């Protein structure tokens, strides 16, 4: 396998946690587009949005996506939750790699985000309580995540179970 593996899904679905464990299991490099954005700018997501607006943030996010995908294909890429808002990003990921949508119900995501808020890195998108915001965001983005994905996985499961499900889809011959 030489194509990158992209993890997409809403904030709190486990893209980074699952992505790291998957990369380790495969002997791949792990890349987090949000982390690269933070390291390259020295700013938090909230600061970038404050200075450049969401459009500026999304442009930077897309540039990073294209940059990491042009590197060694043996990598797992955790993407930002809104990377799928761009049709070009959805097409790009589907064409250049394998895309996994880590799907979890809004209540599960809200619990995770309340447990580890990381407000600078996960700023509110609506200004509403997190449970309401997540439900609204999922409603608006569900079809876009589906459109981007080659595979949809239940991210409400423990991370190692999600990793096992990814490995099973990548190499069904290795499944029990």
C-alpha atoms as a PDB file:
ATOM      1  CA  UNK A   1       0.000   0.000   0.000  1.00  0.00           C
ATOM      2  CA  UNK A   2       1.553   3.302  -1.033  1.00  0.00           C
ATOM      3  CA  UNK A   3      -1.403   5.668  -0.860  1.00  0.00           C
ATOM      4  CA  UNK A   4      -2.104   7.783   2.203  1.00  0.00           C
ATOM      5  CA  UNK A   5      -4.947   6.871   4.529  1.00  0.00           C
ATOM      6  CA  UNK A   6      -7.138   9.834   5.444  1.00  0.00           C
ATOM      7  CA  UNK A   7      -9.240  10.017   8.615  1.00  0.00           C
ATOM      8  CA  UNK A   8     -12.265  12.321   8.373  1.00  0.00           C
ATOM      9  CA  UNK A   9     -15.031  13.066  10.837  1.00  0.00           C
ATOM     10  CA  UNK A  10     -16.347  15.585  13.310  1.00  0.00           C
ATOM     11  CA  UNK A  11     -14.364  17.031  16.193  1.00  0.00           C
ATOM     12  CA  UNK A  12     -13.895  14.444  18.904  1.00  0.00           C
ATOM     13  CA  UNK A  13     -14.486  11.361  16.734  1.00  0.00           C
ATOM     14  CA  UNK A  14     -10.968  10.051  17.323  1.00  0.00           C
ATOM     15  CA  UNK A  15      -9.144  10.911  14.094  1.00  0.00           C
ATOM     16  CA  UNK A  16      -5.902  11.664  15.931  1.00  0.00           C
ATOM     17  CA  UNK A  17      -6.124   8.839  18.465  1.00  0.00           C
ATOM     18  CA  UNK A  18      -7.100   6.212  15.894  1.00  0.00           C
ATOM     19  CA  UNK A  19      -4.739   7.648  13.298  1.00  0.00           C
ATOM     20  CA  UNK A  20      -1.708   7.420  15.580  1.00  0.00           C
ATOM     21  CA  UNK A  21      -2.501   3.841  16.587  1.00  0.00           C
ATOM     22  CA  UNK A  22      -3.181   2.845  12.982  1.00  0.00           C
ATOM     23  CA  UNK A  23       0.071   4.389  11.765  1.00  0.00           C
ATOM     24  CA  UNK A  24       1.961   2.488  14.441  1.00  0.00           C
ATOM     25  CA  UNK A  25       0.233  -0.791  13.511  1.00  0.00           C
ATOM     26  CA  UNK A  26       1.087  -0.313   9.823  1.00  0.00           C
ATOM     27  CA  UNK A  27       4.571   1.115  10.312  1.00  0.00           C
ATOM     28  CA  UNK A  28       3.407   4.313   8.603  1.00  0.00           C
ATOM     29  CA  UNK A  29       4.110   7.941   9.420  1.00  0.00           C
ATOM     30  CA  UNK A  30       1.317   9.792  11.263  1.00  0.00           C
ATOM     31  CA  UNK A  31       0.377  13.285  10.152  1.00  0.00           C
ATOM     32  CA  UNK A  32      -2.191  15.603  11.726  1.00  0.00           C
ATOM     33  CA  UNK A  33      -3.175  18.511   9.456  1.00  0.00           C
ATOM     34  CA  UNK A  34      -4.313  20.616  12.425  1.00  0.00           C
ATOM     35  CA  UNK A  35      -0.978  20.112  14.182  1.00  0.00           C
ATOM     36  CA  UNK A  36       0.959  21.052  11.040  1.00  0.00           C
ATOM     37  CA  UNK A  37      -1.171  24.179  10.713  1.00  0.00           C
ATOM     38  CA  UNK A  38      -0.461  25.143  14.315  1.00  0.00           C
ATOM     39  CA  UNK A  39       3.262  24.449  14.013  1.00  0.00           C
ATOM     40  CA  UNK A  40       3.629  26.287  10.701  1.00  0.00           C
ATOM     41  CA  UNK A  41       1.788  29.415  11.866  1.00  0.00           C
ATOM     42  CA  UNK A  42       2.591  29.455  15.576  1.00  0.00           C
ATOM     43  CA  UNK A  43      -1.087  30.284  16.095  1.00  0.00           C
ATOM     44  CA  UNK A  44      -4.035  28.375  17.498  1.00  0.00           C
ATOM     45  CA  UNK A  45      -7.071  27.643  15.346  1.00  0.00           C
ATOM     46  CA  UNK A  46      -8.964  30.327  17.267  1.00  0.00           C
ATOM     47  CA  UNK A  47      -6.217  32.892  16.565  1.00  0.00           C
ATOM     48  CA  UNK A  48      -6.093  32.055  12.855  1.00  0.00           C
ATOM     49  CA  UNK A  49      -9.866  32.368  12.591  1.00  0.00           C
ATOM     50  CA  UNK A  50      -9.771  35.666  14.487  1.00  0.00           C
ATOM     51  CA  UNK A  51      -7.085  37.077  12.154  1.00  0.00           C
ATOM     52  CA  UNK A  52      -8.107  35.549   8.816  1.00  0.00           C
ATOM     53  CA  UNK A  53     -11.662  34.335   9.266  1.00  0.00           C
ATOM     54  CA  UNK A  54     -12.849  30.810   8.550  1.00  0.00           C
ATOM     55  CA  UNK A  55     -12.139  31.273   4.818  1.00  0.00           C
ATOM     56  CA  UNK A  56      -8.458  31.980   5.532  1.00  0.00           C
ATOM     57  CA  UNK A  57      -8.262  29.028   7.888  1.00  0.00           C
ATOM     58  CA  UNK A  58      -9.885  26.709   5.301  1.00  0.00           C
ATOM     59  CA  UNK A  59      -7.459  27.873   2.593  1.00  0.00           C
ATOM     60  CA  UNK A  60      -4.486  27.102   4.831  1.00  0.00           C
ATOM     61  CA  UNK A  61      -6.032  23.733   5.737  1.00  0.00           C
ATOM     62  CA  UNK A  62      -6.443  22.797   2.056  1.00  0.00           C
ATOM     63  CA  UNK A  63      -2.864  23.818   1.258  1.00  0.00           C
ATOM     64  CA  UNK A  64      -1.576  21.597   4.060  1.00  0.00           C
ATOM     65  CA  UNK A  65      -3.732  18.670   2.902  1.00  0.00           C
ATOM     66  CA  UNK A  66      -2.239  18.849  -0.585  1.00  0.00           C
ATOM     67  CA  UNK A  67       1.276  19.238   0.820  1.00  0.00           C
ATOM     68  CA  UNK A  68       1.127  16.215   3.104  1.00  0.00           C
ATOM     69  CA  UNK A  69      -0.496  14.022   0.468  1.00  0.00           C
ATOM     70  CA  UNK A  70       2.327  14.724  -1.962  1.00  0.00           C
ATOM     71  CA  UNK A  71       4.842  13.360   0.549  1.00  0.00           C
ATOM     72  CA  UNK A  72       5.558   9.663   1.119  1.00  0.00           C
ATOM     73  CA  UNK A  73       2.313   7.746   0.625  1.00  0.00           C
ATOM     74  CA  UNK A  74       2.973   5.501   3.603  1.00  0.00           C
ATOM     75  CA  UNK A  75       1.175   7.752   6.054  1.00  0.00           C
ATOM     76  CA  UNK A  76      -2.022   8.090   8.023  1.00  0.00           C
ATOM     77  CA  UNK A  77      -3.444  11.614   7.910  1.00  0.00           C
ATOM     78  CA  UNK A  78      -5.829  12.934  10.563  1.00  0.00           C
ATOM     79  CA  UNK A  79      -7.709  15.831   8.991  1.00  0.00           C
ATOM     80  CA  UNK A  80      -9.529  18.753  10.533  1.00  0.00           C
ATOM     81  CA  UNK A  81     -13.246  18.214  11.044  1.00  0.00           C
ATOM     82  CA  UNK A  82     -14.212  20.771   8.404  1.00  0.00           C
ATOM     83  CA  UNK A  83     -11.774  19.747   5.680  1.00  0.00           C
ATOM     84  CA  UNK A  84     -14.665  18.077   3.839  1.00  0.00           C
ATOM     85  CA  UNK A  85     -16.463  21.404   3.393  1.00  0.00           C
ATOM     86  CA  UNK A  86     -14.425  21.854   0.219  1.00  0.00           C
ATOM     87  CA  UNK A  87     -15.594  19.661  -2.633  1.00  0.00           C
ATOM     88  CA  UNK A  88     -12.069  19.864  -4.045  1.00  0.00           C
ATOM     89  CA  UNK A  89     -10.673  18.421  -0.788  1.00  0.00           C
ATOM     90  CA  UNK A  90     -13.207  15.571  -0.819  1.00  0.00           C
ATOM     91  CA  UNK A  91     -12.349  14.677  -4.429  1.00  0.00           C
ATOM     92  CA  UNK A  92      -8.615  15.024  -3.772  1.00  0.00           C
ATOM     93  CA  UNK A  93      -8.611  12.666  -0.790  1.00  0.00           C
ATOM     94  CA  UNK A  94     -10.740  10.054  -2.579  1.00  0.00           C
ATOM     95  CA  UNK A  95      -8.475  10.195  -5.641  1.00  0.00           C
ATOM     96  CA  UNK A  96      -5.131  10.099  -3.832  1.00  0.00           C
ATOM     97  CA  UNK A  97      -5.774   7.748  -0.926  1.00  0.00           C
ATOM     98  CA  UNK A  98      -8.210   5.719   1.121  1.00  0.00           C
ATOM     99  CA  UNK A  99     -10.658   7.735   3.202  1.00  0.00           C
ATOM    100  CA  UNK A 100     -12.219   6.517   6.455  1.00  0.00           C
ATOM    101  CA  UNK A 101     -15.125   8.421   7.979  1.00  0.00           C
ATOM    102  CA  UNK A 102     -15.084   7.927  11.741  1.00  0.00           C
ATOM    103  CA  UNK A 103     -18.759   8.296  12.544  1.00  0.00           C
ATOM    104  CA  UNK A 104     -20.052   8.736  16.091  1.00  0.00           C
ATOM    105  CA  UNK A 105     -23.376   9.994  17.442  1.00  0.00           C
ATOM    106  CA  UNK A 106     -23.612  13.609  18.582  1.00  0.00           C
ATOM    107  CA  UNK A 107     -24.008  12.665  22.260  1.00  0.00           C
ATOM    108  CA  UNK A 108     -20.772  10.627  22.190  1.00  0.00           C
ATOM    109  CA  UNK A 109     -18.884  13.485  20.511  1.00  0.00           C
ATOM    110  CA  UNK A 110     -20.290  16.052  22.941  1.00  0.00           C
ATOM    111  CA  UNK A 111     -19.196  13.948  25.945  1.00  0.00           C
ATOM    112  CA  UNK A 112     -15.687  13.614  24.530  1.00  0.00           C
ATOM    113  CA  UNK A 113     -15.411  17.323  23.768  1.00  0.00           C
ATOM    114  CA  UNK A 114     -16.722  18.287  27.197  1.00  0.00           C
ATOM    115  CA  UNK A 115     -14.144  15.978  28.814  1.00  0.00           C
ATOM    116  CA  UNK A 116     -11.251  17.544  26.846  1.00  0.00           C
ATOM    117  CA  UNK A 117     -12.432  20.939  25.551  1.00  0.00           C
ATOM    118  CA  UNK A 118      -9.186  22.255  23.945  1.00  0.00           C
ATOM    119  CA  UNK A 119     -11.015  25.501  23.219  1.00  0.00           C
ATOM    120  CA  UNK A 120      -8.076  27.131  21.422  1.00  0.00           C
ATOM    121  CA  UNK A 121      -7.842  24.191  19.031  1.00  0.00           C
ATOM    122  CA  UNK A 122     -11.567  23.456  18.814  1.00  0.00           C
ATOM    123  CA  UNK A 123     -13.263  26.852  18.873  1.00  0.00           C
ATOM    124  CA  UNK A 124     -17.032  26.985  18.902  1.00  0.00           C
ATOM    125  CA  UNK A 125     -18.472  27.107  15.405  1.00  0.00           C
ATOM    126  CA  UNK A 126     -21.886  28.414  16.469  1.00  0.00           C
ATOM    127  CA  UNK A 127     -21.477  29.848  19.985  1.00  0.00           C
ATOM    128  CA  UNK A 128     -24.122  27.429  21.254  1.00  0.00           C
ATOM    129  CA  UNK A 129     -23.736  24.697  23.919  1.00  0.00           C
ATOM    130  CA  UNK A 130     -21.483  21.893  22.671  1.00  0.00           C
ATOM    131  CA  UNK A 131     -24.220  19.223  22.463  1.00  0.00           C
ATOM    132  CA  UNK A 132     -26.408  21.487  20.310  1.00  0.00           C
ATOM    133  CA  UNK A 133     -23.474  22.600  18.189  1.00  0.00           C
ATOM    134  CA  UNK A 134     -22.306  19.044  17.498  1.00  0.00           C
ATOM    135  CA  UNK A 135     -25.808  17.912  16.521  1.00  0.00           C
ATOM    136  CA  UNK A 136     -26.121  20.863  14.136  1.00  0.00           C
ATOM    137  CA  UNK A 137     -22.661  20.338  12.638  1.00  0.00           C
ATOM    138  CA  UNK A 138     -23.268  16.617  12.097  1.00  0.00           C
ATOM    139  CA  UNK A 139     -26.565  17.341  10.395  1.00  0.00           C
ATOM    140  CA  UNK A 140     -24.876  19.816   8.070  1.00  0.00           C
ATOM    141  CA  UNK A 141     -21.771  17.715   7.342  1.00  0.00           C
ATOM    142  CA  UNK A 142     -22.899  14.068   7.456  1.00  0.00           C
ATOM    143  CA  UNK A 143     -23.491  13.847   3.692  1.00  0.00           C
ATOM    144  CA  UNK A 144     -20.120  15.504   3.021  1.00  0.00           C
ATOM    145  CA  UNK A 145     -18.274  13.010   5.212  1.00  0.00           C
ATOM    146  CA  UNK A 146     -20.132  10.199   3.437  1.00  0.00           C
ATOM    147  CA  UNK A 147     -19.233  11.705   0.046  1.00  0.00           C
ATOM    148  CA  UNK A 148     -15.530  11.815   0.937  1.00  0.00           C
ATOM    149  CA  UNK A 149     -15.334   8.332   2.450  1.00  0.00           C
ATOM    150  CA  UNK A 150     -14.469   4.998   0.951  1.00  0.00           C
ATOM    151  CA  UNK A 151     -15.365   3.397   4.308  1.00  0.00           C
ATOM    152  CA  UNK A 152     -17.558   4.436   7.254  1.00  0.00           C
ATOM    153  CA  UNK A 153     -16.645   3.129  10.709  1.00  0.00           C
ATOM    154  CA  UNK A 154     -18.355   3.286  14.089  1.00  0.00           C
ATOM    155  CA  UNK A 155     -16.107   5.632  16.072  1.00  0.00           C
ATOM    156  CA  UNK A 156     -18.219   5.184  19.175  1.00  0.00           C
ATOM    157  CA  UNK A 157     -16.231   1.995  19.777  1.00  0.00           C
ATOM    158  CA  UNK A 158     -12.922   1.918  21.685  1.00  0.00           C
ATOM    159  CA  UNK A 159     -10.032   3.217  19.542  1.00  0.00           C
ATOM    160  CA  UNK A 160      -8.335  -0.191  19.238  1.00  0.00           C
ATOM    161  CA  UNK A 161     -11.575  -1.667  17.876  1.00  0.00           C
ATOM    162  CA  UNK A 162     -11.732   1.113  15.287  1.00  0.00           C
ATOM    163  CA  UNK A 163      -8.102   0.435  14.327  1.00  0.00           C
ATOM    164  CA  UNK A 164      -8.926  -3.268  13.939  1.00  0.00           C
ATOM    165  CA  UNK A 165     -11.876  -2.389  11.705  1.00  0.00           C
ATOM    166  CA  UNK A 166      -9.629  -0.211   9.504  1.00  0.00           C
ATOM    167  CA  UNK A 167      -7.036  -2.961   9.216  1.00  0.00           C
ATOM    168  CA  UNK A 168      -9.747  -5.450   8.295  1.00  0.00           C
ATOM    169  CA  UNK A 169     -10.959  -3.190   5.484  1.00  0.00           C
ATOM    170  CA  UNK A 170      -7.437  -2.524   4.226  1.00  0.00           C
ATOM    171  CA  UNK A 171      -6.500  -6.185   4.174  1.00  0.00           C
ATOM    172  CA  UNK A 172      -9.537  -8.473   4.432  1.00  0.00           C
ATOM    173  CA  UNK A 173      -7.271 -11.460   3.844  1.00  0.00           C
ATOM    174  CA  UNK A 174      -5.702 -10.912   7.282  1.00  0.00           C
ATOM    175  CA  UNK A 175      -9.068 -10.950   9.068  1.00  0.00           C
ATOM    176  CA  UNK A 176      -9.651 -13.868  11.413  1.00  0.00           C
END
